[in-house]
Every structure is written in structure tokens, then in C-alpha cells.
């Protein structure tokens, strides 16, 4: 199978490059520099709005939902060029919320929310995880009680990334506490984070990424902001998690980091000889090069399924495991190649690759469980992909 781009695709690539060369500023790059993958500062928001005005946030969406109906390859070209410029646009609204609204939202919700998401005017933070409900998401205790045309919500969420920077929460809450099967009593809501009764507190990760915990104290949410049927939110979340796993695996541009390591070994000498001549260095880089190519093919396969309207359940799990464990191997190999210089943080003038290895080594710790633990991913692959019996 040949994935080479044709004349039309190359014309689009040049169009993207011309656009980015005009709009990307040093401030936009700086906000994301050093691997701050989960930051959305004012300059990044400005870029997102400009991309949205071009209609490129929703490149492959159907035209009736504010998209351009363009082929899948254009989305990959756009994402690759963005990363090459050191910037990014998109996020949970584009990759997670919108696909679920298209499949399960009301016509009113589609007309109200999708065009705004496509233009980059609104963004979402995910409100799934709680102090006692991580991988076992069905154990969540945040409560939503119907009161006329509203729901009154009480509870706490943790690790709601960018809740302090975006406008809306993609919230999972329990609407039926009497349901014996705990996953059947959950509903999904779109919540304005400026609603009275919401408190947002910062949480710092080991990688200095800023995430948040969000507290709900008698927060009123219009019933029209519930997505799909009441008590069926678990099934929508399961679909959304598949789309999320396709998204989060591309947070780290491991291919570009490997390319940077390759160039570093060509230019850096040890005992008078380039590091690139060291057999251990060559073996390690060759293995990473193999794996970034495998990740690209897995990504193409998963994205193609999405373009056909198929939820990539098993495929997303495979891609997440392979992609995130690759990121961890890139961090480990980078540490070994750079030696003591690998410990220099972003911002140090002596840090090779602008300090990305130091940050990635800390950041990659959470990749084994963020978006779903790899133990759970392997269970999904075993039962749904390989036909092995489910464990009870």
C-alpha cells in the first residue's frame, strides 16, 4: 500500500505552509516550547481562532456540521505541518466532543455547538476522573439530580486538563443511584465552567504540567445540555474514549524528537568520533526509527476507520499502547544518548534539543494510564480484538 501524497495533497501542504508562515508568531511557539503539551495560553488561543476561521479545525467534518468534507489525508498533512512549526490547534472539542454530538446529539445541539467548535470559539475540558474513580470510571460519584428544566450537580473531578483555560466541561455525572449496574446510571453533560457554584483549583504534575480539580456545589445545568439519553452516558463516554485515545497518542511528536536525536548524534563527538558511529547509539536510534514508522501506519489505519464512520475501539487501544510506550522509549533512549546533558531543563542554553528530553522523561510517566491504563487497553484488545473470554 502506497501512502505517497498526490498533486492535490502537495498543493494543500504548500497552502498550509504559506498560511502558517504568515500567522505563527514566536510567542505562539514559546507557549508550547519545552513540551507544555497541555497549555492553552492567549497566543495559542489566537492561533486556534485563526485556524478555525480558515475552516481547518474541522477539515474532515461533514459540511452540514460546519466542516469542509475534505479527505482524511488533508488532516494528517495539516497536523504534521503544525507540529513542524512547533504549534498545535484542536483539542477535546474537535476530536472528542464533536464526533459524539454528530452521532448522538439533538439537532438543536448540533446547530448550536458544532459551528462554534469548528471555528475555535469554544473548547472543552474532560470531566471524567474523580478521586475514587480513575480507570474504574463507572465508580464515579458526582451526582446530577433533575429539577424541572435543569439538573443540579454536586461532586468533584480531578485531572480536568485546561479547565482553567477553556470555557466548558464535558462532564460525566450519576443520574441514577439505584441502578445496580453502576455503569448504567451515568449521563453526559456540557457545562459552562463559569456557572455559579463551580470552583477550579490548580494541580501540578511531576512534569510541571498544570491540570486542575473542579468542584461542583449545587450547580444548575440546563437539561438541554445533556448529551443523548439519560443514564446512557457510559456508552457515549466509551465511544468518546476511543476518539480520545486516537488524539492523545499524537500529543508527543515522537518522530520529530527522534529526528532531532539523529541529527544530534551526527553533530556531537565523543572521544573525537561522532556519536553516530557508536554501535549502541546506532542500534537504539534504528529501533526508534522502526517504531515511529509503525506508529504512523497504526495512526493511518485508526484515522481511516474514523473517516468511514467506524468507532476504532480495538485499533485505538493498540495505537495508544504502542504510541505511548514508544514515547517512553524515546525518552529513555534520549536520556542514554545525551547523558548528563539530558537533565538540563527547557530554557537552559546548554540543553540539547531545547530540553525536550528532560521534560518528556517526566511527562511520559503518566502516559501509561492517562486516557485509560495500558492494563485496561490490553484487556480490551484481548476480549474485543482476539475473542478471548471477558474476566468478571
Protein backbone atom coordinates (compact mmCIF):
# COMPACT_ATOMS: atom_id res chain seq x y z
CA UNK A 1 0.00 0.00 0.00
CA UNK A 2 1.41 3.38 -1.05
CA UNK A 3 0.73 6.33 1.23
CA UNK A 4 2.51 8.83 -1.01
CA UNK A 5 0.69 12.12 -1.48
CA UNK A 6 -0.52 13.21 -4.90
CA UNK A 7 -0.50 16.61 -6.59
CA UNK A 8 -3.63 17.90 -4.80
CA UNK A 9 -2.30 16.87 -1.41
CA UNK A 10 1.03 18.57 -2.06
CA UNK A 11 -0.79 21.74 -3.12
CA UNK A 12 -2.68 21.68 0.15
CA UNK A 13 0.56 21.12 2.08
CA UNK A 14 2.04 24.23 0.47
CA UNK A 15 -1.13 26.17 1.25
CA UNK A 16 -0.81 25.17 4.91
CA UNK A 17 2.86 26.15 4.99
CA UNK A 18 2.13 29.54 3.43
CA UNK A 19 -0.64 30.15 5.96
CA UNK A 20 1.46 29.13 8.96
CA UNK A 21 4.42 31.22 7.83
CA UNK A 22 2.12 34.25 7.95
CA UNK A 23 0.26 33.65 11.22
CA UNK A 24 2.61 31.72 13.54
CA UNK A 25 4.45 34.07 15.88
CA UNK A 26 7.40 33.41 18.22
CA UNK A 27 5.00 33.88 21.14
CA UNK A 28 2.79 31.03 19.88
CA UNK A 29 5.79 28.72 19.62
CA UNK A 30 7.11 29.78 23.03
CA UNK A 31 3.83 28.92 24.76
CA UNK A 32 4.21 25.33 23.62
CA UNK A 33 8.00 25.19 23.88
CA UNK A 34 9.61 22.75 26.25
CA UNK A 35 6.83 20.21 25.83
CA UNK A 36 4.00 22.10 27.52
CA UNK A 37 1.51 19.87 25.75
CA UNK A 38 -1.48 20.73 27.92
CA UNK A 39 -1.17 24.52 27.98
CA UNK A 40 -3.56 26.83 26.14
CA UNK A 41 -2.37 30.39 26.63
CA UNK A 42 -3.64 33.54 24.87
CA UNK A 43 -1.32 33.16 21.88
CA UNK A 44 -2.32 29.54 21.34
CA UNK A 45 -5.98 30.55 21.54
CA UNK A 46 -5.35 33.24 18.94
CA UNK A 47 -3.83 30.65 16.60
CA UNK A 48 -6.75 28.31 17.15
CA UNK A 49 -9.22 31.04 16.21
CA UNK A 50 -7.26 31.85 13.05
CA UNK A 51 -7.16 28.20 12.05
CA UNK A 52 -10.87 27.98 12.80
CA UNK A 53 -11.57 30.96 10.54
CA UNK A 54 -9.86 29.06 7.72
CA UNK A 55 -12.14 26.08 8.41
CA UNK A 56 -9.17 23.84 9.06
CA UNK A 57 -10.07 22.72 12.58
CA UNK A 58 -12.93 20.74 11.07
CA UNK A 59 -11.26 19.73 7.84
CA UNK A 60 -12.86 16.31 7.54
CA UNK A 61 -16.22 17.04 9.17
CA UNK A 62 -19.35 16.85 7.01
CA UNK A 63 -20.19 20.25 5.51
CA UNK A 64 -23.60 20.31 7.18
CA UNK A 65 -21.85 20.45 10.56
CA UNK A 66 -19.51 23.30 9.69
CA UNK A 67 -16.71 21.18 8.25
CA UNK A 68 -15.13 21.10 4.81
CA UNK A 69 -15.71 17.45 3.96
CA UNK A 70 -12.10 17.11 2.86
CA UNK A 71 -10.27 13.78 2.57
CA UNK A 72 -8.56 12.15 5.51
CA UNK A 73 -5.07 12.78 4.14
CA UNK A 74 -5.53 16.54 4.43
CA UNK A 75 -5.99 16.22 8.19
CA UNK A 76 -2.68 14.40 8.50
CA UNK A 77 -0.92 16.94 6.31
CA UNK A 78 -2.28 19.81 8.38
CA UNK A 79 -1.37 18.20 11.73
CA UNK A 80 2.15 17.34 10.54
CA UNK A 81 2.83 20.87 9.32
CA UNK A 82 1.53 22.36 12.56
CA UNK A 83 3.91 20.18 14.57
CA UNK A 84 6.77 21.10 12.24
CA UNK A 85 6.14 24.74 13.12
CA UNK A 86 6.14 23.84 16.82
CA UNK A 87 2.47 24.68 17.38
CA UNK A 88 -0.83 22.82 17.67
CA UNK A 89 -4.54 23.51 17.33
CA UNK A 90 -7.58 21.41 18.07
CA UNK A 91 -8.22 19.59 21.31
CA UNK A 92 -11.05 17.81 23.05
CA UNK A 93 -13.81 19.82 21.41
CA UNK A 94 -12.71 18.93 17.90
CA UNK A 95 -11.53 15.37 18.46
CA UNK A 96 -13.86 14.09 21.21
CA UNK A 97 -16.93 16.24 21.79
CA UNK A 98 -17.83 16.90 18.16
CA UNK A 99 -17.82 13.24 16.98
CA UNK A 100 -20.16 12.29 19.85
CA UNK A 101 -22.50 15.20 19.17
CA UNK A 102 -22.65 14.22 15.50
CA UNK A 103 -23.62 10.68 16.47
CA UNK A 104 -25.86 11.25 19.49
CA UNK A 105 -26.65 14.96 19.88
CA UNK A 106 -30.00 16.57 19.12
CA UNK A 107 -30.39 18.73 16.02
CA UNK A 108 -30.57 21.75 18.29
CA UNK A 109 -27.26 20.81 19.93
CA UNK A 110 -25.59 20.22 16.58
CA UNK A 111 -26.67 23.61 15.27
CA UNK A 112 -25.68 25.41 18.47
CA UNK A 113 -22.40 23.77 19.38
CA UNK A 114 -20.71 22.31 16.30
CA UNK A 115 -20.18 25.54 14.32
CA UNK A 116 -18.66 27.22 17.40
CA UNK A 117 -16.33 24.28 17.98
CA UNK A 118 -15.35 24.28 14.30
CA UNK A 119 -14.48 27.99 14.44
CA UNK A 120 -12.36 27.54 17.56
CA UNK A 121 -14.65 29.79 19.58
CA UNK A 122 -15.26 27.28 22.38
CA UNK A 123 -13.16 24.50 23.88
CA UNK A 124 -13.75 21.69 26.35
CA UNK A 125 -12.00 20.10 29.29
CA UNK A 126 -12.80 16.48 30.11
CA UNK A 127 -14.69 15.89 33.36
CA UNK A 128 -14.42 12.13 33.89
CA UNK A 129 -11.89 11.26 36.60
CA UNK A 130 -12.65 11.58 40.32
CA UNK A 131 -10.58 10.89 43.46
CA UNK A 132 -12.07 7.37 43.68
CA UNK A 133 -12.88 6.79 40.01
CA UNK A 134 -9.97 6.63 37.60
CA UNK A 135 -9.62 3.55 35.43
CA UNK A 136 -12.79 2.27 37.12
CA UNK A 137 -14.73 5.19 35.71
CA UNK A 138 -18.10 3.58 36.42
CA UNK A 139 -17.46 4.23 40.13
CA UNK A 140 -17.86 7.99 39.71
CA UNK A 141 -19.98 9.69 42.38
CA UNK A 142 -20.64 13.19 41.02
CA UNK A 143 -24.42 13.47 41.22
CA UNK A 144 -26.88 15.13 38.82
CA UNK A 145 -30.49 15.44 40.03
CA UNK A 146 -33.26 16.58 37.67
CA UNK A 147 -35.07 19.72 38.81
CA UNK A 148 -37.56 20.96 36.22
CA UNK A 149 -35.67 22.16 33.13
CA UNK A 150 -32.31 21.86 34.91
CA UNK A 151 -30.06 19.36 36.61
CA UNK A 152 -28.45 20.22 39.95
CA UNK A 153 -24.93 18.84 40.06
CA UNK A 154 -22.69 18.18 43.08
CA UNK A 155 -19.33 16.46 43.18
CA UNK A 156 -15.63 16.69 42.38
CA UNK A 157 -13.48 16.00 39.32
CA UNK A 158 -9.70 15.75 39.18
CA UNK A 159 -7.15 15.99 36.35
CA UNK A 160 -9.52 18.12 34.27
CA UNK A 161 -6.81 19.40 31.98
CA UNK A 162 -7.14 23.02 30.86
CA UNK A 163 -10.35 23.60 32.84
CA UNK A 164 -8.76 26.87 33.96
CA UNK A 165 -8.19 27.93 30.35
CA UNK A 166 -11.27 26.74 28.43
CA UNK A 167 -14.95 27.53 28.71
CA UNK A 168 -16.76 24.21 29.02
CA UNK A 169 -16.69 20.87 30.83
CA UNK A 170 -17.53 17.56 29.12
CA UNK A 171 -18.96 16.14 32.32
CA UNK A 172 -19.92 12.63 33.38
CA UNK A 173 -22.34 12.51 36.34
CA UNK A 174 -24.52 9.89 38.00
CA UNK A 175 -28.25 10.38 37.36
CA UNK A 176 -29.49 7.08 38.81
CA UNK A 177 -28.03 5.95 42.12
CA UNK A 178 -30.42 2.99 42.41
CA UNK A 179 -29.26 1.24 39.24
CA UNK A 180 -27.48 -1.99 40.39
CA UNK A 181 -25.20 -1.96 37.34
CA UNK A 182 -23.23 1.18 38.13
CA UNK A 183 -22.25 1.93 34.53
CA UNK A 184 -25.92 2.21 33.52
CA UNK A 185 -26.79 5.19 35.74
CA UNK A 186 -24.44 7.78 34.21
CA UNK A 187 -25.30 10.74 31.97
CA UNK A 188 -23.15 13.13 29.94
CA UNK A 189 -23.38 16.94 30.08
CA UNK A 190 -21.88 20.05 28.52
CA UNK A 191 -21.32 22.52 31.36
CA UNK A 192 -20.35 26.19 31.27
CA UNK A 193 -17.38 26.41 33.65
CA UNK A 194 -18.38 29.94 34.59
CA UNK A 195 -21.62 28.66 36.16
CA UNK A 196 -22.25 29.69 39.79
CA UNK A 197 -21.11 27.01 42.23
CA UNK A 198 -18.06 25.83 40.25
CA UNK A 199 -14.62 26.14 41.85
CA UNK A 200 -11.44 25.33 39.91
CA UNK A 201 -8.16 24.65 41.71
CA UNK A 202 -4.74 24.05 40.10
CA UNK A 203 -2.85 20.75 40.32
CA UNK A 204 0.77 20.41 39.21
CA UNK A 205 2.03 17.12 37.79
CA UNK A 206 5.52 15.68 38.16
CA UNK A 207 6.23 17.14 34.72
CA UNK A 208 5.14 20.62 35.85
CA UNK A 209 2.06 20.35 33.65
CA UNK A 210 -0.81 22.35 35.10
CA UNK A 211 -4.04 20.39 35.42
CA UNK A 212 -7.00 21.08 37.73
CA UNK A 213 -9.58 19.75 40.13
CA UNK A 214 -13.13 21.03 39.66
CA UNK A 215 -15.72 21.22 42.44
CA UNK A 216 -19.49 21.36 41.81
CA UNK A 217 -21.66 22.85 44.57
CA UNK A 218 -25.35 22.87 43.58
CA UNK A 219 -24.53 23.86 40.02
CA UNK A 220 -27.54 24.28 37.75
CA UNK A 221 -27.12 22.93 34.22
CA UNK A 222 -29.89 23.19 31.60
CA UNK A 223 -31.37 19.81 30.73
CA UNK A 224 -30.94 20.70 27.06
CA UNK A 225 -27.17 20.41 27.66
CA UNK A 226 -27.45 16.70 28.43
CA UNK A 227 -25.98 14.67 25.56
CA UNK A 228 -28.08 11.73 24.40
CA UNK A 229 -30.45 9.80 26.62
CA UNK A 230 -30.43 9.97 30.40
CA UNK A 231 -28.49 7.15 32.10
CA UNK A 232 -26.87 6.13 28.80
CA UNK A 233 -23.79 8.34 29.15
CA UNK A 234 -21.47 5.42 29.81
CA UNK A 235 -21.88 4.20 26.25
CA UNK A 236 -21.22 7.65 24.78
CA UNK A 237 -18.17 8.02 27.01
CA UNK A 238 -16.87 4.65 25.82
CA UNK A 239 -17.06 5.92 22.24
CA UNK A 240 -15.52 9.24 23.24
CA UNK A 241 -12.61 7.45 24.94
CA UNK A 242 -11.84 5.68 21.67
CA UNK A 243 -11.65 9.03 19.89
CA UNK A 244 -9.59 10.43 22.81
CA UNK A 245 -7.05 7.61 22.56
CA UNK A 246 -6.64 8.41 18.88
CA UNK A 247 -6.00 12.03 19.87
CA UNK A 248 -3.73 11.78 22.91
CA UNK A 249 -1.30 9.40 21.22
CA UNK A 250 -0.25 12.33 19.00
CA UNK A 251 0.36 14.82 21.82
CA UNK A 252 4.08 14.00 21.73
CA UNK A 253 5.71 14.36 18.31
CA UNK A 254 7.98 11.37 18.83
CA UNK A 255 9.00 11.30 15.17
CA UNK A 256 10.37 14.82 15.33
CA UNK A 257 12.21 14.08 18.59
CA UNK A 258 13.84 11.00 17.04
CA UNK A 259 14.90 13.09 14.06
CA UNK A 260 16.42 15.58 16.49
CA UNK A 261 18.34 12.82 18.25
CA UNK A 262 19.66 11.54 14.94
CA UNK A 263 20.98 14.99 14.00
CA UNK A 264 22.48 15.43 17.47
CA UNK A 265 24.49 12.21 17.17
CA UNK A 266 25.81 13.29 13.77
CA UNK A 267 26.99 16.64 15.11
CA UNK A 268 28.23 15.65 18.58
CA UNK A 269 31.58 13.96 19.14
CA UNK A 270 32.78 11.73 21.97
CA UNK A 271 36.48 10.94 22.20
CA UNK A 272 37.00 12.51 18.82
CA UNK A 273 34.34 10.49 17.00
CA UNK A 274 30.71 11.33 16.19
CA UNK A 275 28.20 9.63 18.49
CA UNK A 276 26.54 8.34 15.32
CA UNK A 277 29.46 5.91 14.92
CA UNK A 278 28.84 4.28 18.30
CA UNK A 279 27.19 0.88 17.65
CA UNK A 280 24.94 1.11 20.72
CA UNK A 281 23.72 4.56 19.71
CA UNK A 282 23.07 3.37 16.16
CA UNK A 283 21.15 0.31 17.37
CA UNK A 284 18.98 2.39 19.67
CA UNK A 285 18.15 5.00 17.04
CA UNK A 286 17.46 2.36 14.40
CA UNK A 287 14.95 0.69 16.71
CA UNK A 288 13.20 4.01 17.38
CA UNK A 289 13.12 4.79 13.67
CA UNK A 290 11.41 1.45 13.02
CA UNK A 291 8.85 2.12 15.71
CA UNK A 292 7.94 5.68 14.66
CA UNK A 293 7.15 4.27 11.22
CA UNK A 294 4.95 1.57 12.76
CA UNK A 295 3.16 4.22 14.83
CA UNK A 296 2.49 6.25 11.68
CA UNK A 297 0.90 3.24 9.96
CA UNK A 298 -1.23 2.43 13.02
CA UNK A 299 -2.32 6.06 13.08
CA UNK A 300 -3.33 5.98 9.42
CA UNK A 301 -5.34 2.81 9.99
CA UNK A 302 -7.17 4.24 13.01
CA UNK A 303 -7.92 7.54 11.29
CA UNK A 304 -9.21 5.76 8.18
CA UNK A 305 -11.70 3.83 10.32
CA UNK A 306 -12.91 7.10 11.83
CA UNK A 307 -13.33 8.56 8.35
CA UNK A 308 -15.60 5.60 7.49
CA UNK A 309 -17.83 6.29 10.49
CA UNK A 310 -16.40 3.34 12.43
CA UNK A 311 -15.52 3.78 16.10
CA UNK A 312 -11.91 2.49 16.34
CA UNK A 313 -12.28 0.58 19.59
CA UNK A 314 -9.58 -2.09 19.43
CA UNK A 315 -7.47 -0.12 16.98
CA UNK A 316 -7.42 2.93 19.26
CA UNK A 317 -6.29 0.74 22.17
CA UNK A 318 -3.48 -0.74 20.06
CA UNK A 319 -2.41 2.71 18.88
CA UNK A 320 -2.45 4.15 22.39
CA UNK A 321 -0.34 1.38 23.89
CA UNK A 322 2.19 1.34 21.09
CA UNK A 323 2.37 5.10 20.70
CA UNK A 324 2.72 5.94 24.38
CA UNK A 325 5.17 3.16 25.15
CA UNK A 326 7.16 4.41 22.17
CA UNK A 327 7.19 7.91 23.70
CA UNK A 328 8.57 6.38 26.90
CA UNK A 329 11.26 4.52 24.96
CA UNK A 330 12.16 7.73 23.10
CA UNK A 331 12.60 9.48 26.47
CA UNK A 332 14.73 6.62 27.85
CA UNK A 333 16.93 6.34 24.75
CA UNK A 334 17.30 10.12 24.63
CA UNK A 335 18.48 10.11 28.25
CA UNK A 336 21.07 7.45 27.44
CA UNK A 337 22.37 9.26 24.36
CA UNK A 338 22.52 12.75 25.86
CA UNK A 339 23.98 11.61 29.17
CA UNK A 340 24.15 14.30 31.85
CA UNK A 341 23.03 16.93 29.33
CA UNK A 342 19.67 15.16 29.22
CA UNK A 343 18.92 16.51 32.71
CA UNK A 344 19.02 20.14 31.56
CA UNK A 345 15.57 21.67 31.55
CA UNK A 346 13.91 23.63 28.75
CA UNK A 347 15.21 27.17 28.82
CA UNK A 348 18.83 26.25 29.50
CA UNK A 349 21.11 27.44 26.70
CA UNK A 350 23.15 24.24 27.13
CA UNK A 351 20.19 21.86 26.81
CA UNK A 352 20.29 19.73 23.64
CA UNK A 353 17.01 19.61 21.68
CA UNK A 354 15.83 22.60 23.76
CA UNK A 355 15.47 20.38 26.83
CA UNK A 356 12.63 18.30 25.43
CA UNK A 357 14.15 15.00 26.63
CA UNK A 358 14.26 16.14 30.27
CA UNK A 359 10.62 17.17 30.14
CA UNK A 360 9.47 14.12 28.16
CA UNK A 361 11.13 11.75 30.65
CA UNK A 362 8.92 13.17 33.41
CA UNK A 363 5.84 13.71 31.24
CA UNK A 364 5.88 10.16 29.85
CA UNK A 365 5.23 8.65 33.29
CA UNK A 366 1.50 9.40 33.08
CA UNK A 367 1.15 8.05 29.54
CA UNK A 368 0.72 4.51 30.91
CA UNK A 369 -2.61 5.44 32.46
CA UNK A 370 -3.78 8.79 31.01
CA UNK A 371 -6.77 8.14 28.74
CA UNK A 372 -7.02 4.60 30.12
CA UNK A 373 -4.41 2.35 31.72
CA UNK A 374 -2.44 0.05 29.47
CA UNK A 375 -3.64 -2.93 31.52
CA UNK A 376 -7.19 -1.94 30.59
CA UNK A 377 -6.18 -1.41 26.95
CA UNK A 378 -4.75 -4.92 26.79
CA UNK A 379 -7.96 -6.28 28.31
CA UNK A 380 -9.93 -4.54 25.53
CA UNK A 381 -7.63 -5.99 22.89
CA UNK A 382 -7.86 -9.48 24.39
CA UNK A 383 -11.66 -9.58 24.69
CA UNK A 384 -12.84 -7.47 21.74
CA UNK A 385 -9.97 -7.96 19.32
CA UNK A 386 -8.82 -11.51 19.99
CA UNK A 387 -12.10 -13.06 21.10
CA UNK A 388 -10.78 -14.17 24.49
CA UNK A 389 -13.36 -14.54 27.28
CA UNK A 390 -14.12 -11.48 29.40
CA UNK A 391 -13.00 -11.53 33.01
CA UNK A 392 -15.68 -10.96 35.67
